[in-house]
Amino acid sequence: MTEKNLADCSAVVECDPPRTGLEEPTHPSIIRHWRYFGLTIAISLAACRSAAPSPSKAPATPTLIPPVASEPAAGICAGPDSSPAPRVEVNVDIPDPRCLRVLPDQSLIVVNRTDVEILVRLGPYEIRIAPGAEGPLPAPFGSYLAPGVHVVEAEPYAGPELVLAESW
């Protein structure tokens, strides 16, 4: 109602009562707004319910880290080494060997042949090795790596490639 209509309200027998804000919305755009709002809330609640994890009776299997390649960049790989923990050396120029074939039940020993501490990373494992020292990666490759080519990071230098085979 305009101000003029409000002034005439006293003369009109059927005048609209004052609004309290609790009345049912009647304007089409307000009705559409509330329907859209209600639909949005319903969809959100349904999405939350479906996103909840369902209990599983099957034991969780460890996720293996996928290989970076199927064939090594180095071309020819050393190995297989029959020891339970083959050794690789990190040098200032290139690692020795550049590439090593390994089996799932083997682990790795890294030897630091540089003058600085190196940070060695493979999968979820990370170790710091002082100059001239060596350090083991603690778990067998098959417990965290999928078969294929994996790169041993040896910051600040280059690390070797490992080719994990299922068997020889």
C-alpha atoms as a PDB file:
ATOM      1  CA  MET A   1       0.000   0.000   0.000  1.00  0.00           C
ATOM      2  CA  THR A   2       1.141   3.516  -0.678  1.00  0.00           C
ATOM      3  CA  GLU A   3       0.985   6.332   1.883  1.00  0.00           C
ATOM      4  CA  LYS A   4      -2.129   7.674   0.180  1.00  0.00           C
ATOM      5  CA  ASN A   5      -3.832   4.292   0.555  1.00  0.00           C
ATOM      6  CA  LEU A   6      -2.805   4.159   4.216  1.00  0.00           C
ATOM      7  CA  ALA A   7      -4.407   7.519   4.806  1.00  0.00           C
ATOM      8  CA  ASP A   8      -7.599   6.312   3.153  1.00  0.00           C
ATOM      9  CA  CYS A   9      -7.570   3.108   5.186  1.00  0.00           C
ATOM     10  CA  SER A  10      -9.685   4.529   7.954  1.00  0.00           C
ATOM     11  CA  ALA A  11     -12.457   5.227   5.470  1.00  0.00           C
ATOM     12  CA  VAL A  12     -12.349   1.757   3.968  1.00  0.00           C
ATOM     13  CA  VAL A  13     -14.353  -0.909   5.711  1.00  0.00           C
ATOM     14  CA  GLU A  14     -12.083  -3.783   4.698  1.00  0.00           C
ATOM     15  CA  CYS A  15      -8.559  -2.589   5.437  1.00  0.00           C
ATOM     16  CA  ASP A  16      -5.562  -4.925   5.407  1.00  0.00           C
ATOM     17  CA  PRO A  17      -4.368  -5.609   8.941  1.00  0.00           C
ATOM     18  CA  PRO A  18      -0.814  -4.556   9.774  1.00  0.00           C
ATOM     19  CA  ARG A  19       1.814  -7.168   8.853  1.00  0.00           C
ATOM     20  CA  THR A  20       3.684  -8.949  11.668  1.00  0.00           C
ATOM     21  CA  GLY A  21       6.108 -10.911   9.478  1.00  0.00           C
ATOM     22  CA  LEU A  22       4.573 -14.230  10.507  1.00  0.00           C
ATOM     23  CA  GLU A  23       2.042 -14.392   7.667  1.00  0.00           C
ATOM     24  CA  GLU A  24       2.342 -16.924   4.819  1.00  0.00           C
ATOM     25  CA  PRO A  25       4.225 -15.398   1.884  1.00  0.00           C
ATOM     26  CA  THR A  26       1.938 -14.810  -1.070  1.00  0.00           C
ATOM     27  CA  HIS A  27       4.083 -13.002  -3.608  1.00  0.00           C
ATOM     28  CA  PRO A  28       5.250 -15.463  -6.337  1.00  0.00           C
ATOM     29  CA  SER A  29       8.929 -14.443  -6.106  1.00  0.00           C
ATOM     30  CA  ILE A  30       8.949 -15.008  -2.334  1.00  0.00           C
ATOM     31  CA  ILE A  31       7.334 -18.410  -2.765  1.00  0.00           C
ATOM     32  CA  ARG A  32       9.944 -19.370  -5.406  1.00  0.00           C
ATOM     33  CA  HIS A  33      12.721 -18.156  -3.096  1.00  0.00           C
ATOM     34  CA  TRP A  34      11.507 -20.295  -0.201  1.00  0.00           C
ATOM     35  CA  ARG A  35      10.999 -23.338  -2.432  1.00  0.00           C
ATOM     36  CA  TYR A  36      14.542 -22.940  -3.803  1.00  0.00           C
ATOM     37  CA  PHE A  37      15.906 -22.502  -0.260  1.00  0.00           C
ATOM     38  CA  GLY A  38      14.055 -25.599   0.968  1.00  0.00           C
ATOM     39  CA  LEU A  39      15.248 -27.648  -1.998  1.00  0.00           C
ATOM     40  CA  THR A  40      18.843 -26.523  -1.389  1.00  0.00           C
ATOM     41  CA  ILE A  41      18.662 -27.549   2.266  1.00  0.00           C
ATOM     42  CA  ALA A  42      17.138 -30.936   1.362  1.00  0.00           C
ATOM     43  CA  ILE A  43      19.850 -31.670  -1.215  1.00  0.00           C
ATOM     44  CA  SER A  44      22.598 -30.607   1.199  1.00  0.00           C
ATOM     45  CA  LEU A  45      21.278 -32.867   3.926  1.00  0.00           C
ATOM     46  CA  ALA A  46      20.966 -35.781   1.523  1.00  0.00           C
ATOM     47  CA  ALA A  47      24.545 -35.243   0.334  1.00  0.00           C
ATOM     48  CA  CYS A  48      25.823 -35.175   3.904  1.00  0.00           C
ATOM     49  CA  ARG A  49      24.070 -38.427   4.697  1.00  0.00           C
ATOM     50  CA  SER A  50      25.420 -40.167   1.577  1.00  0.00           C
ATOM     51  CA  ALA A  51      28.971 -38.900   2.185  1.00  0.00           C
ATOM     52  CA  ALA A  52      29.160 -40.530   5.606  1.00  0.00           C
ATOM     53  CA  PRO A  53      31.391 -43.597   5.539  1.00  0.00           C
ATOM     54  CA  SER A  54      29.629 -46.885   5.888  1.00  0.00           C
ATOM     55  CA  PRO A  55      31.179 -49.443   8.185  1.00  0.00           C
ATOM     56  CA  SER A  56      33.113 -52.116   6.350  1.00  0.00           C
ATOM     57  CA  LYS A  57      33.720 -55.620   7.585  1.00  0.00           C
ATOM     58  CA  ALA A  58      36.595 -56.282   5.186  1.00  0.00           C
ATOM     59  CA  PRO A  59      40.068 -55.521   6.559  1.00  0.00           C
ATOM     60  CA  ALA A  60      41.764 -52.481   5.069  1.00  0.00           C
ATOM     61  CA  THR A  61      44.494 -53.268   2.572  1.00  0.00           C
ATOM     62  CA  PRO A  62      47.498 -50.954   2.403  1.00  0.00           C
ATOM     63  CA  THR A  63      47.604 -48.620  -0.558  1.00  0.00           C
ATOM     64  CA  LEU A  64      50.720 -49.158  -2.640  1.00  0.00           C
ATOM     65  CA  ILE A  65      52.419 -46.152  -4.188  1.00  0.00           C
ATOM     66  CA  PRO A  66      52.128 -46.405  -7.979  1.00  0.00           C
ATOM     67  CA  PRO A  67      55.280 -46.413 -10.098  1.00  0.00           C
ATOM     68  CA  VAL A  68      56.432 -43.299 -11.968  1.00  0.00           C
ATOM     69  CA  ALA A  69      57.131 -45.357 -15.117  1.00  0.00           C
ATOM     70  CA  SER A  70      57.105 -48.894 -16.423  1.00  0.00           C
ATOM     71  CA  GLU A  71      60.660 -48.702 -17.812  1.00  0.00           C
ATOM     72  CA  PRO A  72      63.655 -46.913 -16.244  1.00  0.00           C
ATOM     73  CA  ALA A  73      65.092 -43.744 -17.783  1.00  0.00           C
ATOM     74  CA  ALA A  74      68.589 -45.013 -17.034  1.00  0.00           C
ATOM     75  CA  GLY A  75      68.206 -47.772 -19.624  1.00  0.00           C
ATOM     76  CA  ILE A  76      70.219 -50.597 -18.074  1.00  0.00           C
ATOM     77  CA  CYS A  77      69.654 -51.523 -14.438  1.00  0.00           C
ATOM     78  CA  ALA A  78      71.987 -53.346 -12.078  1.00  0.00           C
ATOM     79  CA  GLY A  79      70.806 -56.350 -10.202  1.00  0.00           C
ATOM     80  CA  PRO A  80      69.143 -58.279  -9.063  1.00  0.00           C
ATOM     81  CA  ASP A  81      71.122 -58.137  -5.843  1.00  0.00           C
ATOM     82  CA  SER A  82      70.559 -61.225  -3.697  1.00  0.00           C
ATOM     83  CA  SER A  83      71.146 -59.461  -0.356  1.00  0.00           C
ATOM     84  CA  PRO A  84      68.122 -58.549   1.793  1.00  0.00           C
ATOM     85  CA  ALA A  85      69.148 -54.884   1.638  1.00  0.00           C
ATOM     86  CA  PRO A  86      71.028 -53.790  -1.505  1.00  0.00           C
ATOM     87  CA  ARG A  87      73.214 -50.658  -1.271  1.00  0.00           C
ATOM     88  CA  VAL A  88      73.172 -47.548  -3.422  1.00  0.00           C
ATOM     89  CA  GLU A  89      75.596 -44.647  -3.193  1.00  0.00           C
ATOM     90  CA  VAL A  90      74.617 -41.019  -3.610  1.00  0.00           C
ATOM     91  CA  ASN A  91      77.463 -39.036  -5.201  1.00  0.00           C
ATOM     92  CA  VAL A  92      77.848 -35.402  -6.174  1.00  0.00           C
ATOM     93  CA  ASP A  93      77.377 -36.250  -9.858  1.00  0.00           C
ATOM     94  CA  ILE A  94      75.385 -39.468 -10.369  1.00  0.00           C
ATOM     95  CA  PRO A  95      74.247 -42.249  -8.030  1.00  0.00           C
ATOM     96  CA  ASP A  96      75.900 -45.645  -8.154  1.00  0.00           C
ATOM     97  CA  PRO A  97      74.163 -47.586  -9.548  1.00  0.00           C
ATOM     98  CA  ARG A  98      71.890 -45.221 -11.469  1.00  0.00           C
ATOM     99  CA  CYS A  99      69.245 -47.953 -11.567  1.00  0.00           C
ATOM    100  CA  LEU A 100      68.765 -51.069  -9.457  1.00  0.00           C
ATOM    101  CA  ARG A 101      66.371 -54.006  -9.850  1.00  0.00           C
ATOM    102  CA  VAL A 102      64.835 -55.051  -6.518  1.00  0.00           C
ATOM    103  CA  LEU A 103      62.294 -57.516  -5.139  1.00  0.00           C
ATOM    104  CA  PRO A 104      59.309 -56.864  -2.839  1.00  0.00           C
ATOM    105  CA  ASP A 105      60.941 -58.498   0.211  1.00  0.00           C
ATOM    106  CA  GLN A 106      64.126 -56.374  -0.020  1.00  0.00           C
ATOM    107  CA  SER A 107      64.798 -52.991   1.586  1.00  0.00           C
ATOM    108  CA  LEU A 108      67.493 -50.402   0.807  1.00  0.00           C
ATOM    109  CA  ILE A 109      70.652 -49.010   2.363  1.00  0.00           C
ATOM    110  CA  VAL A 110      71.713 -45.578   1.087  1.00  0.00           C
ATOM    111  CA  VAL A 111      75.340 -44.470   1.416  1.00  0.00           C
ATOM    112  CA  ASN A 112      76.124 -40.730   1.372  1.00  0.00           C
ATOM    113  CA  ARG A 113      79.367 -40.151  -0.601  1.00  0.00           C
ATOM    114  CA  THR A 114      79.019 -36.343  -0.555  1.00  0.00           C
ATOM    115  CA  ASP A 115      80.309 -33.591   1.751  1.00  0.00           C
ATOM    116  CA  VAL A 116      76.822 -32.516   2.895  1.00  0.00           C
ATOM    117  CA  GLU A 117      73.899 -34.107   4.680  1.00  0.00           C
ATOM    118  CA  ILE A 118      71.333 -35.576   2.282  1.00  0.00           C
ATOM    119  CA  LEU A 119      67.607 -36.052   2.723  1.00  0.00           C
ATOM    120  CA  VAL A 120      66.528 -39.402   1.276  1.00  0.00           C
ATOM    121  CA  ARG A 121      62.857 -40.024   0.446  1.00  0.00           C
ATOM    122  CA  LEU A 122      61.143 -43.078  -0.923  1.00  0.00           C
ATOM    123  CA  GLY A 123      57.404 -43.541  -0.557  1.00  0.00           C
ATOM    124  CA  PRO A 124      56.338 -42.674   2.989  1.00  0.00           C
ATOM    125  CA  TYR A 125      59.887 -42.881   4.361  1.00  0.00           C
ATOM    126  CA  GLU A 126      62.350 -40.054   4.850  1.00  0.00           C
ATOM    127  CA  ILE A 127      65.813 -40.256   6.426  1.00  0.00           C
ATOM    128  CA  ARG A 128      68.684 -37.804   6.837  1.00  0.00           C
ATOM    129  CA  ILE A 129      72.167 -39.178   6.229  1.00  0.00           C
ATOM    130  CA  ALA A 130      75.313 -37.353   7.311  1.00  0.00           C
ATOM    131  CA  PRO A 131      78.315 -37.044   4.945  1.00  0.00           C
ATOM    132  CA  GLY A 132      80.170 -40.363   4.697  1.00  0.00           C
ATOM    133  CA  ALA A 133      77.449 -42.253   6.597  1.00  0.00           C
ATOM    134  CA  GLU A 134      74.772 -44.707   5.508  1.00  0.00           C
ATOM    135  CA  GLY A 135      71.138 -45.181   6.421  1.00  0.00           C
ATOM    136  CA  PRO A 136      68.536 -47.915   5.891  1.00  0.00           C
ATOM    137  CA  LEU A 137      65.026 -47.490   4.579  1.00  0.00           C
ATOM    138  CA  PRO A 138      63.135 -49.486   7.210  1.00  0.00           C
ATOM    139  CA  ALA A 139      60.532 -51.563   5.374  1.00  0.00           C
ATOM    140  CA  PRO A 140      60.491 -54.043   2.489  1.00  0.00           C
ATOM    141  CA  PHE A 141      59.630 -52.415  -0.853  1.00  0.00           C
ATOM    142  CA  GLY A 142      56.575 -54.607  -1.402  1.00  0.00           C
ATOM    143  CA  SER A 143      54.900 -53.211   1.726  1.00  0.00           C
ATOM    144  CA  TYR A 144      54.556 -49.711   0.257  1.00  0.00           C
ATOM    145  CA  LEU A 145      55.538 -49.693  -3.458  1.00  0.00           C
ATOM    146  CA  ALA A 146      53.647 -51.158  -6.416  1.00  0.00           C
ATOM    147  CA  PRO A 147      55.731 -52.982  -9.042  1.00  0.00           C
ATOM    148  CA  GLY A 148      57.450 -50.678 -11.549  1.00  0.00           C
ATOM    149  CA  VAL A 149      59.964 -47.803 -11.537  1.00  0.00           C
ATOM    150  CA  HIS A 150      60.365 -45.636  -8.428  1.00  0.00           C
ATOM    151  CA  VAL A 151      62.834 -42.800  -7.864  1.00  0.00           C
ATOM    152  CA  VAL A 152      64.793 -42.502  -4.635  1.00  0.00           C
ATOM    153  CA  GLU A 153      65.037 -38.778  -3.900  1.00  0.00           C
ATOM    154  CA  ALA A 154      68.348 -37.716  -2.354  1.00  0.00           C
ATOM    155  CA  GLU A 155      68.252 -33.931  -1.887  1.00  0.00           C
ATOM    156  CA  PRO A 156      70.237 -31.938  -2.891  1.00  0.00           C
ATOM    157  CA  TYR A 157      71.564 -34.536  -5.340  1.00  0.00           C
ATOM    158  CA  ALA A 158      70.083 -37.098  -7.720  1.00  0.00           C
ATOM    159  CA  GLY A 159      69.021 -40.458  -6.375  1.00  0.00           C
ATOM    160  CA  PRO A 160      68.832 -43.789  -8.182  1.00  0.00           C
ATOM    161  CA  GLU A 161      65.864 -45.414  -9.852  1.00  0.00           C
ATOM    162  CA  LEU A 162      64.535 -48.669  -8.434  1.00  0.00           C
ATOM    163  CA  VAL A 163      62.723 -51.176 -10.598  1.00  0.00           C
ATOM    164  CA  LEU A 164      60.525 -53.240  -8.329  1.00  0.00           C
ATOM    165  CA  ALA A 165      59.728 -56.607  -9.910  1.00  0.00           C
ATOM    166  CA  GLU A 166      57.276 -59.119  -8.490  1.00  0.00           C
ATOM    167  CA  SER A 167      59.823 -61.923  -9.001  1.00  0.00           C
ATOM    168  CA  TRP A 168      62.848 -62.886 -11.137  1.00  0.00           C
END
